[in-house]
N, C-alpha and C. Protein backbone atom coordinates (compact mmCIF):
# COMPACT_ATOMS: atom_id res chain seq x y z
N MET A 1 41.12 -10.43 -79.35
CA MET A 1 41.43 -9.09 -78.98
C MET A 1 42.92 -8.79 -79.15
N ASN A 2 43.27 -7.62 -79.61
CA ASN A 2 44.59 -7.23 -79.89
C ASN A 2 45.33 -6.73 -78.64
N THR A 3 45.77 -7.69 -77.83
CA THR A 3 46.40 -7.33 -76.56
C THR A 3 47.82 -7.84 -76.54
N ILE A 4 48.64 -7.28 -75.65
CA ILE A 4 50.04 -7.67 -75.52
C ILE A 4 50.16 -8.58 -74.32
N PRO A 5 50.86 -9.72 -74.42
CA PRO A 5 51.06 -10.62 -73.31
C PRO A 5 51.67 -9.84 -72.09
N SER A 6 51.09 -10.14 -70.92
CA SER A 6 51.59 -9.40 -69.71
C SER A 6 53.04 -9.71 -69.41
N ASP A 7 53.49 -10.95 -69.70
CA ASP A 7 54.85 -11.27 -69.41
C ASP A 7 55.81 -10.53 -70.28
N ASP A 8 55.41 -10.26 -71.53
CA ASP A 8 56.25 -9.46 -72.45
C ASP A 8 56.37 -8.03 -71.92
N THR A 9 55.26 -7.48 -71.46
CA THR A 9 55.24 -6.13 -70.91
C THR A 9 56.11 -6.08 -69.67
N ASP A 10 56.01 -7.06 -68.79
CA ASP A 10 56.80 -7.12 -67.58
C ASP A 10 58.31 -7.14 -67.92
N SER A 11 58.65 -7.91 -68.98
CA SER A 11 60.01 -7.98 -69.46
C SER A 11 60.52 -6.63 -69.85
N LEU A 12 59.74 -5.90 -70.61
CA LEU A 12 60.16 -4.57 -71.07
C LEU A 12 60.27 -3.62 -69.90
N LEU A 13 59.39 -3.73 -68.94
CA LEU A 13 59.44 -2.88 -67.69
C LEU A 13 60.71 -3.17 -66.94
N ASP A 14 61.08 -4.43 -66.84
CA ASP A 14 62.32 -4.79 -66.22
C ASP A 14 63.51 -4.21 -66.92
N ARG A 15 63.52 -4.26 -68.24
CA ARG A 15 64.59 -3.72 -69.02
C ARG A 15 64.70 -2.22 -68.90
N PHE A 16 63.49 -1.54 -68.81
CA PHE A 16 63.49 -0.11 -68.58
C PHE A 16 64.10 0.27 -67.25
N GLN A 17 63.77 -0.52 -66.23
CA GLN A 17 64.33 -0.24 -64.87
C GLN A 17 65.81 -0.43 -64.85
N ASN A 18 66.34 -1.27 -65.73
CA ASN A 18 67.76 -1.48 -65.85
C ASN A 18 68.46 -0.46 -66.78
N GLY A 19 67.72 0.54 -67.20
CA GLY A 19 68.27 1.62 -67.97
C GLY A 19 68.18 1.55 -69.49
N ASP A 20 67.32 0.59 -69.98
CA ASP A 20 67.15 0.40 -71.41
C ASP A 20 66.06 1.39 -71.87
N GLN A 21 66.42 2.50 -72.53
CA GLN A 21 65.47 3.50 -72.99
C GLN A 21 64.69 3.03 -74.15
N ASN A 22 65.29 2.09 -74.93
CA ASN A 22 64.56 1.48 -76.06
C ASN A 22 63.36 0.70 -75.55
N ALA A 23 63.46 0.12 -74.42
CA ALA A 23 62.33 -0.63 -73.85
C ALA A 23 61.21 0.37 -73.50
N ARG A 24 61.58 1.53 -73.02
CA ARG A 24 60.52 2.54 -72.77
C ARG A 24 59.83 2.92 -74.04
N ASP A 25 60.55 3.16 -75.09
CA ASP A 25 59.91 3.51 -76.40
C ASP A 25 59.02 2.42 -76.94
N GLN A 26 59.43 1.16 -76.75
CA GLN A 26 58.65 0.07 -77.20
C GLN A 26 57.33 -0.02 -76.36
N LEU A 27 57.42 0.19 -75.01
CA LEU A 27 56.26 0.08 -74.21
C LEU A 27 55.21 1.16 -74.59
N LEU A 28 55.61 2.37 -74.90
CA LEU A 28 54.72 3.40 -75.19
C LEU A 28 54.12 3.32 -76.63
N LEU A 29 55.02 3.10 -77.60
CA LEU A 29 54.59 3.16 -78.99
C LEU A 29 53.70 2.01 -79.38
N ARG A 30 53.89 0.88 -78.78
CA ARG A 30 53.05 -0.28 -79.15
C ARG A 30 51.60 -0.15 -78.88
N HIS A 31 51.27 0.76 -77.97
CA HIS A 31 49.87 0.95 -77.58
C HIS A 31 49.25 2.16 -78.23
N ARG A 32 49.99 2.90 -79.03
CA ARG A 32 49.46 4.18 -79.56
C ARG A 32 48.26 4.01 -80.36
N ARG A 33 48.17 3.06 -81.27
CA ARG A 33 46.95 2.85 -82.14
C ARG A 33 45.76 2.50 -81.25
N ARG A 34 45.97 1.65 -80.28
CA ARG A 34 44.88 1.26 -79.42
C ARG A 34 44.32 2.40 -78.62
N LEU A 35 45.22 3.25 -78.14
CA LEU A 35 44.79 4.41 -77.41
C LEU A 35 44.06 5.41 -78.29
N ARG A 36 44.53 5.56 -79.47
CA ARG A 36 43.85 6.45 -80.45
C ARG A 36 42.44 6.02 -80.70
N LYS A 37 42.23 4.73 -80.88
CA LYS A 37 40.91 4.16 -81.05
C LYS A 37 39.98 4.55 -79.88
N MET A 38 40.54 4.31 -78.70
CA MET A 38 39.77 4.63 -77.44
C MET A 38 39.37 6.07 -77.43
N VAL A 39 40.32 6.99 -77.74
CA VAL A 39 39.98 8.41 -77.65
C VAL A 39 38.94 8.77 -78.76
N GLN A 40 39.08 8.19 -79.95
CA GLN A 40 38.10 8.39 -81.00
C GLN A 40 36.66 8.00 -80.54
N ILE A 41 36.60 6.85 -79.86
CA ILE A 41 35.34 6.35 -79.37
C ILE A 41 34.73 7.24 -78.27
N ARG A 42 35.60 7.75 -77.44
CA ARG A 42 35.15 8.50 -76.23
C ARG A 42 35.03 9.99 -76.47
N LEU A 43 35.56 10.47 -77.58
CA LEU A 43 35.53 11.91 -77.86
C LEU A 43 34.11 12.38 -78.13
N ASP A 44 33.78 13.45 -77.43
CA ASP A 44 32.44 14.09 -77.69
C ASP A 44 32.33 14.49 -79.15
N ARG A 45 31.24 14.06 -79.78
CA ARG A 45 31.07 14.32 -81.23
C ARG A 45 31.12 15.80 -81.58
N ARG A 46 30.69 16.63 -80.58
CA ARG A 46 30.69 18.08 -80.81
C ARG A 46 32.08 18.66 -80.90
N LEU A 47 33.05 17.90 -80.48
CA LEU A 47 34.46 18.37 -80.48
C LEU A 47 35.29 17.76 -81.56
N SER A 48 34.65 16.94 -82.44
CA SER A 48 35.41 16.19 -83.44
C SER A 48 36.12 17.11 -84.44
N ALA A 49 35.65 18.28 -84.65
CA ALA A 49 36.31 19.20 -85.53
C ALA A 49 37.39 20.04 -84.89
N ARG A 50 37.41 19.98 -83.57
CA ARG A 50 38.40 20.80 -82.85
C ARG A 50 39.46 20.03 -82.10
N VAL A 51 39.23 18.79 -81.88
CA VAL A 51 40.15 17.91 -81.09
C VAL A 51 40.62 16.75 -81.97
N ASP A 52 41.92 16.66 -82.09
CA ASP A 52 42.58 15.56 -82.82
C ASP A 52 42.95 14.47 -81.81
N PRO A 53 42.40 13.29 -81.96
CA PRO A 53 42.72 12.20 -81.05
C PRO A 53 44.24 11.96 -80.94
N SER A 54 44.93 12.15 -82.01
CA SER A 54 46.38 11.93 -82.01
C SER A 54 47.07 12.85 -81.04
N ASP A 55 46.57 14.09 -80.95
CA ASP A 55 47.14 15.04 -80.03
C ASP A 55 46.89 14.62 -78.57
N VAL A 56 45.70 14.12 -78.31
CA VAL A 56 45.37 13.65 -76.97
C VAL A 56 46.29 12.52 -76.58
N VAL A 57 46.53 11.58 -77.51
CA VAL A 57 47.35 10.47 -77.25
C VAL A 57 48.82 10.89 -77.02
N GLN A 58 49.27 11.83 -77.84
CA GLN A 58 50.64 12.33 -77.67
C GLN A 58 50.83 12.95 -76.34
N ASP A 59 49.86 13.76 -75.85
CA ASP A 59 49.98 14.40 -74.54
C ASP A 59 50.05 13.31 -73.47
N ALA A 60 49.26 12.26 -73.63
CA ALA A 60 49.22 11.16 -72.70
C ALA A 60 50.57 10.42 -72.68
N MET A 61 51.13 10.29 -73.83
CA MET A 61 52.46 9.62 -73.92
C MET A 61 53.55 10.39 -73.22
N VAL A 62 53.51 11.71 -73.35
CA VAL A 62 54.49 12.59 -72.69
C VAL A 62 54.35 12.43 -71.20
N GLU A 63 53.09 12.42 -70.72
CA GLU A 63 52.91 12.25 -69.27
C GLU A 63 53.32 10.86 -68.81
N ALA A 64 53.05 9.85 -69.62
CA ALA A 64 53.41 8.49 -69.29
C ALA A 64 54.95 8.35 -69.14
N ALA A 65 55.67 9.03 -70.06
CA ALA A 65 57.15 8.93 -70.04
C ALA A 65 57.66 9.50 -68.70
N LYS A 66 56.98 10.54 -68.21
CA LYS A 66 57.40 11.16 -66.91
C LYS A 66 57.11 10.25 -65.76
N ARG A 67 56.01 9.59 -65.83
CA ARG A 67 55.54 8.76 -64.68
C ARG A 67 56.04 7.29 -64.73
N LEU A 68 56.61 6.89 -65.86
CA LEU A 68 56.93 5.49 -66.05
C LEU A 68 57.86 4.93 -64.96
N PRO A 69 58.85 5.66 -64.49
CA PRO A 69 59.72 5.09 -63.47
C PRO A 69 58.91 4.66 -62.21
N GLN A 70 57.95 5.47 -61.81
CA GLN A 70 57.15 5.08 -60.66
C GLN A 70 56.26 3.92 -60.98
N PHE A 71 55.67 3.91 -62.15
CA PHE A 71 54.77 2.80 -62.53
C PHE A 71 55.60 1.50 -62.61
N ALA A 72 56.80 1.56 -63.20
CA ALA A 72 57.59 0.35 -63.36
C ALA A 72 57.95 -0.24 -62.01
N GLN A 73 58.09 0.64 -60.99
CA GLN A 73 58.42 0.13 -59.67
C GLN A 73 57.19 -0.45 -59.01
N ASP A 74 56.04 0.18 -59.10
CA ASP A 74 54.83 -0.32 -58.41
C ASP A 74 54.01 -1.26 -59.12
N ARG A 75 53.79 -1.04 -60.46
CA ARG A 75 52.97 -1.88 -61.31
C ARG A 75 51.59 -2.21 -60.68
N PRO A 76 50.84 -1.20 -60.29
CA PRO A 76 49.58 -1.42 -59.55
C PRO A 76 48.43 -2.05 -60.40
N ILE A 77 48.47 -1.69 -61.72
CA ILE A 77 47.38 -2.18 -62.60
C ILE A 77 48.06 -2.58 -63.96
N PRO A 78 47.31 -3.29 -64.84
CA PRO A 78 47.86 -3.63 -66.15
C PRO A 78 48.38 -2.36 -66.90
N PHE A 79 49.47 -2.50 -67.62
CA PHE A 79 50.12 -1.36 -68.26
C PHE A 79 49.20 -0.61 -69.14
N TYR A 80 48.46 -1.28 -70.00
CA TYR A 80 47.59 -0.59 -70.92
C TYR A 80 46.50 0.14 -70.20
N ALA A 81 45.93 -0.42 -69.11
CA ALA A 81 44.92 0.24 -68.30
C ALA A 81 45.48 1.56 -67.71
N TRP A 82 46.77 1.52 -67.41
CA TRP A 82 47.43 2.72 -66.90
C TRP A 82 47.52 3.78 -67.98
N LEU A 83 48.02 3.36 -69.13
CA LEU A 83 48.10 4.30 -70.25
C LEU A 83 46.74 4.84 -70.61
N ARG A 84 45.73 4.02 -70.65
CA ARG A 84 44.37 4.40 -70.97
C ARG A 84 43.86 5.40 -69.95
N GLN A 85 44.20 5.24 -68.71
CA GLN A 85 43.79 6.18 -67.69
C GLN A 85 44.36 7.55 -67.91
N LEU A 86 45.63 7.61 -68.25
CA LEU A 86 46.29 8.86 -68.56
C LEU A 86 45.65 9.57 -69.79
N ALA A 87 45.38 8.77 -70.82
CA ALA A 87 44.69 9.32 -72.01
C ALA A 87 43.32 9.82 -71.69
N ALA A 88 42.59 9.05 -70.91
CA ALA A 88 41.25 9.47 -70.51
C ALA A 88 41.27 10.77 -69.67
N GLU A 89 42.27 10.86 -68.81
CA GLU A 89 42.36 12.07 -67.99
C GLU A 89 42.63 13.26 -68.85
N ARG A 90 43.50 13.07 -69.85
CA ARG A 90 43.78 14.23 -70.77
C ARG A 90 42.61 14.57 -71.63
N LEU A 91 41.87 13.57 -72.06
CA LEU A 91 40.60 13.81 -72.82
C LEU A 91 39.64 14.58 -71.98
N ILE A 92 39.48 14.24 -70.71
CA ILE A 92 38.59 14.99 -69.88
C ILE A 92 38.93 16.44 -69.76
N GLN A 93 40.28 16.71 -69.56
CA GLN A 93 40.75 18.05 -69.45
C GLN A 93 40.42 18.87 -70.70
N ILE A 94 40.75 18.28 -71.88
CA ILE A 94 40.49 19.01 -73.12
C ILE A 94 39.03 19.20 -73.35
N SER A 95 38.24 18.19 -73.06
CA SER A 95 36.76 18.31 -73.27
C SER A 95 36.15 19.35 -72.39
N ARG A 96 36.58 19.38 -71.15
CA ARG A 96 36.05 20.38 -70.25
C ARG A 96 36.42 21.79 -70.62
N PHE A 97 37.63 21.94 -71.18
CA PHE A 97 38.14 23.22 -71.62
C PHE A 97 37.23 23.73 -72.75
N HIS A 98 36.96 22.87 -73.73
CA HIS A 98 36.17 23.28 -74.91
C HIS A 98 34.68 23.45 -74.62
N LEU A 99 34.21 22.77 -73.55
CA LEU A 99 32.78 22.74 -73.27
C LEU A 99 32.47 23.58 -72.01
N MET A 100 33.45 24.36 -71.56
CA MET A 100 33.20 25.08 -70.26
C MET A 100 32.03 26.03 -70.40
N ALA A 101 31.86 26.58 -71.59
CA ALA A 101 30.72 27.50 -71.73
C ALA A 101 29.43 26.84 -71.45
N HIS A 102 29.33 25.55 -71.68
CA HIS A 102 28.12 24.77 -71.48
C HIS A 102 28.11 24.17 -70.06
N GLN A 103 29.23 24.35 -69.33
CA GLN A 103 29.37 23.83 -67.97
C GLN A 103 29.03 22.33 -67.91
N ARG A 104 29.63 21.63 -68.88
CA ARG A 104 29.44 20.14 -68.93
C ARG A 104 30.69 19.51 -68.41
N ALA A 105 30.56 18.36 -67.78
CA ALA A 105 31.65 17.46 -67.46
C ALA A 105 31.58 16.21 -68.31
N VAL A 106 32.56 15.99 -69.13
CA VAL A 106 32.54 14.83 -70.02
C VAL A 106 33.71 13.97 -69.85
N GLY A 107 33.68 12.73 -70.30
CA GLY A 107 34.81 11.84 -70.32
C GLY A 107 34.62 10.67 -69.41
N ARG A 108 35.28 10.66 -68.25
CA ARG A 108 35.24 9.44 -67.44
C ARG A 108 33.96 9.22 -66.72
N GLU A 109 33.13 10.22 -66.60
CA GLU A 109 31.86 10.07 -65.89
C GLU A 109 30.92 9.26 -66.84
N ILE A 110 30.75 7.98 -66.51
CA ILE A 110 30.02 7.05 -67.44
C ILE A 110 28.57 7.34 -67.54
N LEU A 111 28.06 8.10 -66.58
CA LEU A 111 26.58 8.38 -66.63
C LEU A 111 26.29 9.56 -67.64
N ASP A 112 27.31 10.14 -68.19
CA ASP A 112 27.09 11.31 -69.06
C ASP A 112 27.90 11.12 -70.34
N ASN A 113 27.79 10.02 -71.01
CA ASN A 113 28.61 9.82 -72.18
C ASN A 113 27.77 9.70 -73.43
N GLY A 114 26.58 10.35 -73.40
CA GLY A 114 25.64 10.27 -74.55
C GLY A 114 26.10 10.97 -75.80
N HIS A 115 27.16 11.76 -75.72
CA HIS A 115 27.61 12.52 -76.91
C HIS A 115 28.80 11.88 -77.58
N ASP A 116 29.32 10.73 -77.02
CA ASP A 116 30.45 10.09 -77.71
C ASP A 116 29.96 8.96 -78.55
N GLN A 117 30.89 8.19 -79.08
CA GLN A 117 30.52 7.14 -80.12
C GLN A 117 30.35 5.81 -79.42
N SER A 118 30.62 5.71 -78.15
CA SER A 118 30.68 4.36 -77.54
C SER A 118 29.32 3.69 -77.60
N HIS A 119 28.26 4.43 -77.45
CA HIS A 119 26.86 3.86 -77.44
C HIS A 119 26.54 3.29 -78.83
N GLY A 120 26.85 4.09 -79.87
CA GLY A 120 26.56 3.61 -81.22
C GLY A 120 27.43 2.46 -81.64
N LYS A 121 28.69 2.44 -81.24
CA LYS A 121 29.61 1.32 -81.55
C LYS A 121 29.11 0.05 -80.84
N LEU A 122 28.61 0.19 -79.63
CA LEU A 122 28.07 -1.04 -79.01
C LEU A 122 26.87 -1.57 -79.68
N ILE A 123 25.97 -0.73 -80.07
CA ILE A 123 24.77 -1.15 -80.82
C ILE A 123 25.17 -1.83 -82.12
N GLN A 124 26.13 -1.25 -82.84
CA GLN A 124 26.64 -1.79 -84.08
C GLN A 124 27.19 -3.25 -83.85
N PHE A 125 27.96 -3.38 -82.79
CA PHE A 125 28.53 -4.71 -82.48
C PHE A 125 27.45 -5.71 -82.18
N LEU A 126 26.52 -5.34 -81.30
CA LEU A 126 25.46 -6.27 -80.86
C LEU A 126 24.53 -6.65 -82.02
N ALA A 127 24.21 -5.64 -82.88
CA ALA A 127 23.33 -5.89 -83.99
C ALA A 127 23.95 -6.96 -84.88
N ALA A 128 25.21 -6.98 -85.02
CA ALA A 128 25.86 -7.98 -85.89
C ALA A 128 25.88 -9.35 -85.23
N LYS A 129 25.66 -9.34 -83.93
CA LYS A 129 25.67 -10.63 -83.20
C LYS A 129 24.26 -11.19 -82.95
N THR A 130 23.28 -10.42 -83.39
CA THR A 130 21.89 -10.75 -83.04
C THR A 130 21.13 -11.41 -84.23
N GLY A 131 20.40 -12.41 -83.91
CA GLY A 131 19.45 -12.99 -84.92
C GLY A 131 20.14 -13.96 -85.89
N THR A 132 19.37 -14.36 -86.86
CA THR A 132 19.92 -15.36 -87.85
C THR A 132 20.41 -14.53 -89.10
N PRO A 133 21.13 -15.21 -89.96
CA PRO A 133 21.67 -14.50 -91.16
C PRO A 133 20.52 -13.88 -91.99
N SER A 134 19.43 -14.59 -92.09
CA SER A 134 18.32 -14.05 -92.93
C SER A 134 17.75 -12.77 -92.31
N GLU A 135 17.69 -12.79 -90.93
CA GLU A 135 17.17 -11.59 -90.28
C GLU A 135 18.13 -10.41 -90.40
N LEU A 136 19.41 -10.74 -90.44
CA LEU A 136 20.38 -9.70 -90.51
C LEU A 136 20.40 -8.95 -91.86
N LEU A 137 19.67 -9.46 -92.86
CA LEU A 137 19.46 -8.72 -94.09
C LEU A 137 18.69 -7.40 -93.83
N GLN A 138 17.91 -7.48 -92.78
CA GLN A 138 17.13 -6.28 -92.39
C GLN A 138 17.96 -5.48 -91.39
N ARG A 139 19.17 -5.10 -91.72
CA ARG A 139 20.11 -4.52 -90.84
C ARG A 139 19.62 -3.27 -90.17
N GLN A 140 18.95 -2.41 -90.81
CA GLN A 140 18.52 -1.16 -90.27
C GLN A 140 17.52 -1.43 -89.11
N GLU A 141 16.56 -2.31 -89.35
CA GLU A 141 15.50 -2.60 -88.38
C GLU A 141 16.19 -3.33 -87.20
N THR A 142 17.09 -4.21 -87.44
CA THR A 142 17.75 -4.91 -86.36
C THR A 142 18.50 -3.93 -85.48
N ARG A 143 19.22 -3.03 -86.07
CA ARG A 143 19.94 -2.01 -85.30
C ARG A 143 19.02 -1.19 -84.45
N ARG A 144 17.88 -0.81 -85.04
CA ARG A 144 16.89 -0.02 -84.29
C ARG A 144 16.33 -0.77 -83.04
N GLN A 145 16.07 -2.06 -83.21
CA GLN A 145 15.56 -2.88 -82.09
C GLN A 145 16.63 -3.11 -81.06
N VAL A 146 17.86 -3.33 -81.50
CA VAL A 146 18.96 -3.52 -80.53
C VAL A 146 19.21 -2.25 -79.73
N GLN A 147 19.05 -1.07 -80.37
CA GLN A 147 19.15 0.23 -79.70
C GLN A 147 18.16 0.32 -78.58
N LEU A 148 16.92 -0.13 -78.87
CA LEU A 148 15.86 -0.11 -77.84
C LEU A 148 16.33 -0.95 -76.65
N ALA A 149 16.93 -2.12 -76.89
CA ALA A 149 17.34 -2.97 -75.80
C ALA A 149 18.49 -2.36 -75.03
N VAL A 150 19.47 -1.81 -75.72
CA VAL A 150 20.61 -1.24 -75.04
C VAL A 150 20.22 0.00 -74.26
N ASP A 151 19.27 0.75 -74.75
CA ASP A 151 18.81 1.90 -74.01
C ASP A 151 18.16 1.56 -72.68
N GLN A 152 17.65 0.35 -72.53
CA GLN A 152 17.04 -0.11 -71.30
C GLN A 152 18.03 -0.63 -70.28
N LEU A 153 19.27 -0.80 -70.69
CA LEU A 153 20.30 -1.22 -69.74
C LEU A 153 20.71 -0.15 -68.83
N ALA A 154 21.15 -0.46 -67.63
CA ALA A 154 21.66 0.52 -66.72
C ALA A 154 23.01 1.06 -67.32
N ALA A 155 23.37 2.28 -66.94
CA ALA A 155 24.58 2.92 -67.48
C ALA A 155 25.80 2.05 -67.24
N ILE A 156 25.92 1.47 -66.04
CA ILE A 156 27.08 0.64 -65.71
C ILE A 156 27.10 -0.63 -66.59
N ASP A 157 26.00 -1.20 -66.88
CA ASP A 157 25.90 -2.36 -67.77
C ASP A 157 26.41 -2.02 -69.15
N ARG A 158 25.97 -0.87 -69.67
CA ARG A 158 26.43 -0.44 -70.99
C ARG A 158 27.93 -0.26 -70.99
N GLU A 159 28.40 0.37 -69.89
CA GLU A 159 29.87 0.67 -69.89
C GLU A 159 30.68 -0.65 -69.82
N VAL A 160 30.18 -1.60 -69.10
CA VAL A 160 30.88 -2.89 -68.99
C VAL A 160 30.95 -3.53 -70.41
N LEU A 161 29.87 -3.51 -71.13
CA LEU A 161 29.84 -4.06 -72.52
C LEU A 161 30.72 -3.29 -73.46
N VAL A 162 30.72 -1.94 -73.29
CA VAL A 162 31.62 -1.14 -74.17
C VAL A 162 33.03 -1.44 -73.91
N LEU A 163 33.45 -1.57 -72.67
CA LEU A 163 34.85 -1.87 -72.36
C LEU A 163 35.26 -3.23 -72.97
N ARG A 164 34.40 -4.20 -72.90
CA ARG A 164 34.72 -5.53 -73.35
C ARG A 164 34.65 -5.68 -74.85
N TYR A 165 33.56 -5.14 -75.47
CA TYR A 165 33.36 -5.43 -76.85
C TYR A 165 33.64 -4.33 -77.86
N VAL A 166 33.64 -3.06 -77.36
CA VAL A 166 34.00 -1.98 -78.27
C VAL A 166 35.49 -1.63 -78.10
N GLU A 167 35.90 -1.41 -76.84
CA GLU A 167 37.33 -1.13 -76.64
C GLU A 167 38.16 -2.40 -76.58
N GLN A 168 37.52 -3.59 -76.44
CA GLN A 168 38.15 -4.86 -76.46
C GLN A 168 39.24 -4.96 -75.37
N LEU A 169 38.90 -4.55 -74.16
CA LEU A 169 39.79 -4.69 -73.06
C LEU A 169 39.71 -6.07 -72.45
N THR A 170 40.80 -6.56 -71.89
CA THR A 170 40.76 -7.83 -71.20
C THR A 170 39.99 -7.59 -69.89
N VAL A 171 39.62 -8.74 -69.20
CA VAL A 171 38.99 -8.63 -67.96
C VAL A 171 39.79 -7.81 -66.97
N GLN A 172 41.13 -8.16 -66.94
CA GLN A 172 42.04 -7.46 -65.98
C GLN A 172 42.11 -5.97 -66.29
N GLU A 173 42.15 -5.58 -67.56
CA GLU A 173 42.26 -4.21 -67.94
C GLU A 173 40.94 -3.47 -67.57
N ALA A 174 39.82 -4.08 -67.93
CA ALA A 174 38.52 -3.47 -67.73
C ALA A 174 38.21 -3.31 -66.24
N SER A 175 38.58 -4.29 -65.43
CA SER A 175 38.38 -4.19 -64.04
C SER A 175 39.18 -3.09 -63.41
N ALA A 176 40.37 -2.88 -63.93
CA ALA A 176 41.23 -1.81 -63.47
C ALA A 176 40.66 -0.44 -63.79
N VAL A 177 40.09 -0.34 -65.01
CA VAL A 177 39.45 0.92 -65.41
C VAL A 177 38.30 1.26 -64.48
N LEU A 178 37.51 0.32 -64.05
CA LEU A 178 36.38 0.59 -63.18
C LEU A 178 36.77 0.56 -61.69
N GLY A 179 37.99 0.16 -61.39
CA GLY A 179 38.46 0.21 -60.05
C GLY A 179 37.84 -0.93 -59.17
N ILE A 180 37.58 -2.06 -59.80
CA ILE A 180 37.02 -3.23 -59.11
C ILE A 180 37.89 -4.44 -59.33
N THR A 181 37.61 -5.56 -58.70
CA THR A 181 38.40 -6.75 -58.95
C THR A 181 37.95 -7.44 -60.24
N ALA A 182 38.86 -8.28 -60.77
CA ALA A 182 38.57 -9.01 -61.97
C ALA A 182 37.30 -9.86 -61.79
N ASN A 183 37.20 -10.51 -60.59
CA ASN A 183 36.07 -11.28 -60.34
C ASN A 183 34.73 -10.50 -60.35
N ALA A 184 34.83 -9.32 -59.73
CA ALA A 184 33.63 -8.47 -59.69
C ALA A 184 33.24 -8.03 -61.10
N PHE A 185 34.23 -7.73 -61.93
CA PHE A 185 33.93 -7.33 -63.28
C PHE A 185 33.28 -8.46 -64.03
N SER A 186 33.82 -9.68 -63.91
CA SER A 186 33.28 -10.84 -64.61
C SER A 186 31.81 -11.05 -64.18
N GLN A 187 31.52 -10.86 -62.90
CA GLN A 187 30.11 -10.98 -62.46
C GLN A 187 29.24 -9.91 -63.10
N ARG A 188 29.76 -8.66 -63.12
CA ARG A 188 28.94 -7.60 -63.74
C ARG A 188 28.73 -7.87 -65.20
N HIS A 189 29.80 -8.33 -65.92
CA HIS A 189 29.69 -8.67 -67.29
C HIS A 189 28.65 -9.72 -67.56
N PHE A 190 28.65 -10.78 -66.74
CA PHE A 190 27.66 -11.88 -66.90
C PHE A 190 26.26 -11.32 -66.66
N ARG A 191 26.07 -10.52 -65.62
CA ARG A 191 24.71 -9.92 -65.36
C ARG A 191 24.27 -9.03 -66.46
N ALA A 192 25.22 -8.25 -67.04
CA ALA A 192 24.84 -7.32 -68.10
C ALA A 192 24.38 -8.12 -69.29
N LEU A 193 25.09 -9.17 -69.70
CA LEU A 193 24.72 -9.99 -70.85
C LEU A 193 23.34 -10.69 -70.58
N LYS A 194 23.20 -11.13 -69.33
CA LYS A 194 21.89 -11.83 -68.98
C LYS A 194 20.77 -10.87 -69.11
N ARG A 195 20.96 -9.67 -68.59
CA ARG A 195 19.91 -8.67 -68.68
C ARG A 195 19.59 -8.31 -70.15
N LEU A 196 20.67 -8.16 -70.94
CA LEU A 196 20.47 -7.82 -72.36
C LEU A 196 19.69 -8.91 -73.07
N GLN A 197 20.09 -10.16 -72.81
CA GLN A 197 19.42 -11.28 -73.42
C GLN A 197 17.93 -11.30 -73.01
N SER A 198 17.66 -10.99 -71.83
CA SER A 198 16.20 -10.94 -71.37
C SER A 198 15.46 -9.86 -72.11
N ILE A 199 16.10 -8.72 -72.26
CA ILE A 199 15.38 -7.64 -73.00
C ILE A 199 15.18 -8.00 -74.43
N LEU A 200 16.18 -8.60 -75.05
CA LEU A 200 16.07 -8.98 -76.46
C LEU A 200 14.91 -9.98 -76.65
N ARG A 201 14.81 -10.90 -75.68
CA ARG A 201 13.70 -11.88 -75.82
C ARG A 201 12.33 -11.17 -75.66
N GLU A 202 12.26 -10.20 -74.72
CA GLU A 202 11.04 -9.45 -74.50
C GLU A 202 10.63 -8.66 -75.73
N LEU A 203 11.63 -8.17 -76.46
CA LEU A 203 11.37 -7.42 -77.72
C LEU A 203 11.27 -8.34 -78.92
N ARG A 204 11.45 -9.63 -78.66
CA ARG A 204 11.36 -10.68 -79.79
C ARG A 204 12.35 -10.40 -80.89
N ILE A 205 13.52 -9.97 -80.43
CA ILE A 205 14.58 -9.67 -81.45
C ILE A 205 15.38 -10.98 -81.75
N GLY A 206 15.60 -11.77 -80.70
CA GLY A 206 16.40 -13.00 -80.91
C GLY A 206 17.51 -13.06 -79.89
N GLU A 207 18.40 -14.06 -80.01
CA GLU A 207 19.49 -14.21 -79.09
C GLU A 207 20.79 -13.68 -79.66
N LEU A 208 21.73 -13.35 -78.74
CA LEU A 208 23.07 -12.99 -79.16
C LEU A 208 23.79 -14.22 -79.61
N ASN A 209 24.37 -14.17 -80.80
CA ASN A 209 25.19 -15.34 -81.29
C ASN A 209 26.53 -15.38 -80.58
N ASP A 210 27.05 -16.58 -80.43
CA ASP A 210 28.39 -16.76 -79.84
C ASP A 210 29.42 -16.18 -80.80
N GLU A 211 30.61 -15.85 -80.22
CA GLU A 211 31.70 -15.35 -81.05
C GLU A 211 32.14 -16.39 -82.07
């Protein structure tokens, strides 16, 4: 997973608190690509022609620059999880604005994310991890079967898997996103995988391969 060591981030935060503005720029810019990927995944497909993920990220960066002094002092959650939270909040605002006519609430509410790309990206990842190489030649059928399995998971289980495998968050980052402890997230992650494996066996699809 493409993550930044926490000690490196802490060092930059310390430098920022000591007045190093270059440290601030490094903190924000190094995560821009990762944030953009998150926004692309979470963006409602109906808004893809009207909302540029780069604009969402830029707005989040501006807000982060304003709030960074307080974050550097408190450091309540991992830095990327904090940036992601700001970007997600901005995405919610923009999505609600564009979809107000439909009176829809989209974004952070994980029970209503059927119009973004996270579901499809998770299926794509799992399909590549399922079965033997010979079975994977039947890619389309494998994907269809994996979709059946994923659709049977609870929404929270799907979200846990999306955070880990699609967004590639660390356990610490993902637990901060969900507002739970790292241990609680690990337990949920284990249960989600166990449930998915059970469904795959019931559908006679096969086992998930190790990384």
